[in-house]
Amino acid sequence: YSGQHRWGSLRPESIRVGRAAKGVTSGEGVSARLVSTNYLGATTKLALDADGLRLHAIVPAGTALPGEGEAVVLTFNREHLHLMDEPA
């Protein structure tokens, strides 16, 4: 798919959420803002905004998180990304 626009699927539990360092670009990660958190018992569901794209991540309960509205960097293992055959 090199050079082609495709859409992909990534399960929310496959997304890692890290604090964004001031003055540092995200590199291979995706820059986002933490919109909200929803405690679900063993896990916490995060709503994230990545330049207008709403994403969700699921992390273990008790994970240290930045405050709502703060910048984060999202990363994932490429093998967890499922690219679709249809053009984006």
N, C-alpha and C. Protein backbone atom coordinates (compact mmCIF):
# COMPACT_ATOMS: atom_id res chain seq x y z
N TYR A 1 0.81 -1.21 0.00
CA TYR A 1 0.00 0.00 0.00
C TYR A 1 0.85 1.27 0.00
N SER A 2 2.11 1.13 -0.23
CA SER A 2 3.01 2.28 -0.17
C SER A 2 2.57 3.38 -1.12
N GLY A 3 2.43 4.60 -0.58
CA GLY A 3 2.04 5.75 -1.37
C GLY A 3 0.55 5.84 -1.66
N GLN A 4 -0.24 4.89 -1.18
CA GLN A 4 -1.68 4.89 -1.41
C GLN A 4 -2.41 5.27 -0.13
N HIS A 5 -3.51 6.01 -0.27
CA HIS A 5 -4.34 6.34 0.88
C HIS A 5 -5.31 5.19 1.12
N ARG A 6 -5.23 4.61 2.29
CA ARG A 6 -6.12 3.51 2.70
C ARG A 6 -6.65 3.82 4.08
N TRP A 7 -7.76 3.21 4.42
CA TRP A 7 -8.23 3.36 5.78
C TRP A 7 -7.88 2.08 6.53
N GLY A 8 -7.82 2.22 7.84
CA GLY A 8 -7.41 1.09 8.65
C GLY A 8 -8.25 0.94 9.90
N SER A 9 -8.08 -0.18 10.53
CA SER A 9 -8.80 -0.50 11.76
C SER A 9 -7.78 -0.84 12.84
N LEU A 10 -7.98 -0.28 14.01
CA LEU A 10 -7.08 -0.49 15.13
C LEU A 10 -7.91 -0.61 16.39
N ARG A 11 -7.80 -1.72 17.09
CA ARG A 11 -8.60 -1.91 18.31
C ARG A 11 -8.14 -0.93 19.39
N PRO A 12 -9.08 -0.38 20.17
CA PRO A 12 -8.73 0.64 21.16
C PRO A 12 -7.74 0.16 22.22
N GLU A 13 -7.74 -1.12 22.53
CA GLU A 13 -6.79 -1.62 23.54
C GLU A 13 -5.38 -1.76 22.97
N SER A 14 -5.22 -1.61 21.66
CA SER A 14 -3.90 -1.67 21.03
C SER A 14 -3.18 -0.33 21.02
N ILE A 15 -3.88 0.73 21.42
CA ILE A 15 -3.31 2.07 21.40
C ILE A 15 -2.65 2.38 22.74
N ARG A 16 -1.39 2.79 22.69
CA ARG A 16 -0.68 3.22 23.90
C ARG A 16 -0.74 4.75 23.97
N VAL A 17 -0.96 5.26 25.15
CA VAL A 17 -1.10 6.70 25.35
C VAL A 17 0.03 7.18 26.24
N GLY A 18 0.81 8.13 25.73
CA GLY A 18 1.92 8.69 26.50
C GLY A 18 1.80 10.19 26.62
N ARG A 19 2.43 10.73 27.61
CA ARG A 19 2.44 12.19 27.78
C ARG A 19 3.29 12.82 26.69
N ALA A 20 2.82 13.92 26.15
CA ALA A 20 3.59 14.66 25.14
C ALA A 20 4.58 15.56 25.86
N ALA A 21 5.83 15.52 25.43
CA ALA A 21 6.85 16.39 26.01
C ALA A 21 6.81 17.74 25.30
N LYS A 22 6.93 18.81 26.05
CA LYS A 22 6.90 20.15 25.45
C LYS A 22 8.07 20.32 24.50
N GLY A 23 7.77 20.84 23.30
CA GLY A 23 8.81 21.10 22.32
C GLY A 23 9.32 19.89 21.58
N VAL A 24 8.70 18.72 21.83
CA VAL A 24 9.13 17.50 21.16
C VAL A 24 8.00 17.03 20.26
N THR A 25 8.33 16.74 19.00
CA THR A 25 7.31 16.22 18.09
C THR A 25 7.06 14.75 18.41
N SER A 26 5.95 14.24 17.93
CA SER A 26 5.57 12.87 18.27
C SER A 26 6.35 11.81 17.52
N GLY A 27 7.18 12.20 16.54
CA GLY A 27 7.95 11.20 15.80
C GLY A 27 7.03 10.27 15.06
N GLU A 28 7.08 8.99 15.38
CA GLU A 28 6.23 8.02 14.70
C GLU A 28 4.87 7.90 15.36
N GLY A 29 4.64 8.59 16.44
CA GLY A 29 3.35 8.55 17.10
C GLY A 29 2.39 9.56 16.50
N VAL A 30 1.19 9.57 17.03
CA VAL A 30 0.14 10.49 16.60
C VAL A 30 -0.11 11.47 17.73
N SER A 31 -0.01 12.76 17.44
CA SER A 31 -0.30 13.78 18.45
C SER A 31 -1.81 13.89 18.63
N ALA A 32 -2.25 13.99 19.88
CA ALA A 32 -3.68 14.08 20.17
C ALA A 32 -3.87 14.84 21.48
N ARG A 33 -5.12 15.09 21.81
CA ARG A 33 -5.50 15.68 23.10
C ARG A 33 -6.47 14.73 23.78
N LEU A 34 -6.31 14.59 25.08
CA LEU A 34 -7.22 13.77 25.86
C LEU A 34 -8.50 14.56 26.09
N VAL A 35 -9.62 14.06 25.57
CA VAL A 35 -10.90 14.76 25.67
C VAL A 35 -11.62 14.36 26.96
N SER A 36 -11.70 13.04 27.21
CA SER A 36 -12.41 12.59 28.41
C SER A 36 -11.97 11.17 28.77
N THR A 37 -12.26 10.79 30.01
CA THR A 37 -12.00 9.44 30.48
C THR A 37 -13.28 8.86 31.05
N ASN A 38 -13.42 7.55 30.93
CA ASN A 38 -14.60 6.87 31.45
C ASN A 38 -14.14 5.58 32.13
N TYR A 39 -14.18 5.56 33.45
CA TYR A 39 -13.76 4.40 34.23
C TYR A 39 -14.75 3.27 34.00
N LEU A 40 -14.23 2.08 33.64
CA LEU A 40 -15.09 0.92 33.34
C LEU A 40 -14.77 -0.28 34.23
N GLY A 41 -14.23 -0.06 35.40
CA GLY A 41 -13.87 -1.17 36.28
C GLY A 41 -12.41 -1.53 36.09
N ALA A 42 -12.15 -2.61 35.35
CA ALA A 42 -10.77 -3.06 35.12
C ALA A 42 -10.03 -2.20 34.09
N THR A 43 -10.78 -1.41 33.33
CA THR A 43 -10.17 -0.57 32.30
C THR A 43 -10.74 0.84 32.35
N THR A 44 -10.07 1.74 31.65
CA THR A 44 -10.54 3.11 31.47
C THR A 44 -10.58 3.40 29.98
N LYS A 45 -11.72 3.89 29.50
CA LYS A 45 -11.86 4.26 28.09
C LYS A 45 -11.53 5.73 27.93
N LEU A 46 -10.67 6.05 26.97
CA LEU A 46 -10.25 7.42 26.71
C LEU A 46 -10.83 7.89 25.39
N ALA A 47 -11.38 9.09 25.38
CA ALA A 47 -11.76 9.75 24.13
C ALA A 47 -10.64 10.72 23.80
N LEU A 48 -10.19 10.68 22.56
CA LEU A 48 -9.03 11.48 22.13
C LEU A 48 -9.37 12.23 20.85
N ASP A 49 -8.76 13.39 20.70
CA ASP A 49 -8.92 14.17 19.47
C ASP A 49 -7.56 14.32 18.81
N ALA A 50 -7.43 13.75 17.61
CA ALA A 50 -6.19 13.84 16.84
C ALA A 50 -6.46 14.70 15.61
N ASP A 51 -6.28 16.00 15.76
CA ASP A 51 -6.48 16.94 14.66
C ASP A 51 -7.87 16.80 14.05
N GLY A 52 -8.88 16.72 14.90
CA GLY A 52 -10.27 16.63 14.45
C GLY A 52 -10.78 15.22 14.27
N LEU A 53 -9.92 14.22 14.36
CA LEU A 53 -10.33 12.82 14.26
C LEU A 53 -10.55 12.28 15.66
N ARG A 54 -11.75 11.81 15.97
CA ARG A 54 -12.06 11.25 17.29
C ARG A 54 -11.59 9.80 17.34
N LEU A 55 -10.75 9.50 18.32
CA LEU A 55 -10.24 8.16 18.54
C LEU A 55 -10.57 7.74 19.95
N HIS A 56 -10.58 6.43 20.18
CA HIS A 56 -10.78 5.89 21.52
C HIS A 56 -9.66 4.91 21.83
N ALA A 57 -9.21 4.92 23.06
CA ALA A 57 -8.22 3.97 23.54
C ALA A 57 -8.74 3.38 24.83
N ILE A 58 -8.33 2.17 25.12
CA ILE A 58 -8.68 1.51 26.38
C ILE A 58 -7.38 1.14 27.07
N VAL A 59 -7.23 1.61 28.31
CA VAL A 59 -6.03 1.35 29.10
C VAL A 59 -6.43 0.68 30.41
N PRO A 60 -5.50 -0.02 31.06
CA PRO A 60 -5.82 -0.62 32.35
C PRO A 60 -6.21 0.46 33.37
N ALA A 61 -7.17 0.15 34.21
CA ALA A 61 -7.56 1.07 35.28
C ALA A 61 -6.34 1.35 36.14
N GLY A 62 -6.21 2.58 36.59
CA GLY A 62 -5.09 2.97 37.42
C GLY A 62 -3.89 3.47 36.63
N THR A 63 -3.97 3.42 35.30
CA THR A 63 -2.89 3.96 34.47
C THR A 63 -2.78 5.46 34.72
N ALA A 64 -1.56 5.94 34.94
CA ALA A 64 -1.35 7.38 35.13
C ALA A 64 -1.63 8.09 33.81
N LEU A 65 -2.52 9.07 33.87
CA LEU A 65 -2.92 9.79 32.66
C LEU A 65 -2.78 11.29 32.87
N PRO A 66 -2.54 12.03 31.78
CA PRO A 66 -2.57 13.49 31.89
C PRO A 66 -4.00 13.95 32.10
N GLY A 67 -4.18 15.21 32.41
CA GLY A 67 -5.51 15.75 32.60
C GLY A 67 -6.25 15.93 31.28
N GLU A 68 -7.57 16.03 31.38
CA GLU A 68 -8.38 16.27 30.19
C GLU A 68 -7.94 17.58 29.54
N GLY A 69 -7.85 17.57 28.21
CA GLY A 69 -7.41 18.73 27.46
C GLY A 69 -5.92 18.78 27.22
N GLU A 70 -5.17 17.93 27.90
CA GLU A 70 -3.71 17.95 27.73
C GLU A 70 -3.27 17.14 26.51
N ALA A 71 -2.09 17.48 26.01
CA ALA A 71 -1.52 16.82 24.83
C ALA A 71 -0.98 15.44 25.21
N VAL A 72 -1.19 14.48 24.31
CA VAL A 72 -0.66 13.12 24.46
C VAL A 72 -0.09 12.67 23.12
N VAL A 73 0.66 11.58 23.16
CA VAL A 73 1.16 10.95 21.95
C VAL A 73 0.63 9.52 21.94
N LEU A 74 0.04 9.12 20.83
CA LEU A 74 -0.52 7.78 20.67
C LEU A 74 0.43 6.94 19.83
N THR A 75 0.70 5.72 20.29
CA THR A 75 1.54 4.80 19.53
C THR A 75 0.87 3.43 19.53
N PHE A 76 1.31 2.58 18.61
CA PHE A 76 0.77 1.22 18.53
C PHE A 76 1.76 0.38 17.74
N ASN A 77 1.67 -0.92 17.89
CA ASN A 77 2.48 -1.84 17.09
C ASN A 77 1.85 -1.96 15.71
N ARG A 78 2.66 -1.83 14.68
CA ARG A 78 2.13 -1.86 13.31
C ARG A 78 1.37 -3.14 12.99
N GLU A 79 1.75 -4.26 13.60
CA GLU A 79 1.04 -5.51 13.30
C GLU A 79 -0.41 -5.49 13.80
N HIS A 80 -0.75 -4.55 14.67
CA HIS A 80 -2.13 -4.41 15.16
C HIS A 80 -3.00 -3.56 14.24
N LEU A 81 -2.39 -2.89 13.27
CA LEU A 81 -3.13 -2.06 12.32
C LEU A 81 -3.56 -2.92 11.14
N HIS A 82 -4.86 -2.94 10.88
CA HIS A 82 -5.42 -3.72 9.77
C HIS A 82 -5.82 -2.75 8.66
N LEU A 83 -5.03 -2.74 7.57
CA LEU A 83 -5.33 -1.87 6.44
C LEU A 83 -6.37 -2.53 5.55
N MET A 84 -7.32 -1.75 5.10
CA MET A 84 -8.40 -2.25 4.26
C MET A 84 -8.04 -2.08 2.79
N ASP A 85 -8.61 -2.91 1.95
CA ASP A 85 -8.32 -2.86 0.52
C ASP A 85 -8.96 -1.68 -0.18
N GLU A 86 -10.06 -1.18 0.37
CA GLU A 86 -10.77 -0.06 -0.25
C GLU A 86 -9.97 1.23 -0.08
N PRO A 87 -9.94 2.08 -1.11
CA PRO A 87 -9.27 3.39 -0.97
C PRO A 87 -9.96 4.24 0.09
N ALA A 88 -9.20 5.13 0.69
CA ALA A 88 -9.75 6.02 1.72
C ALA A 88 -10.63 7.08 1.10
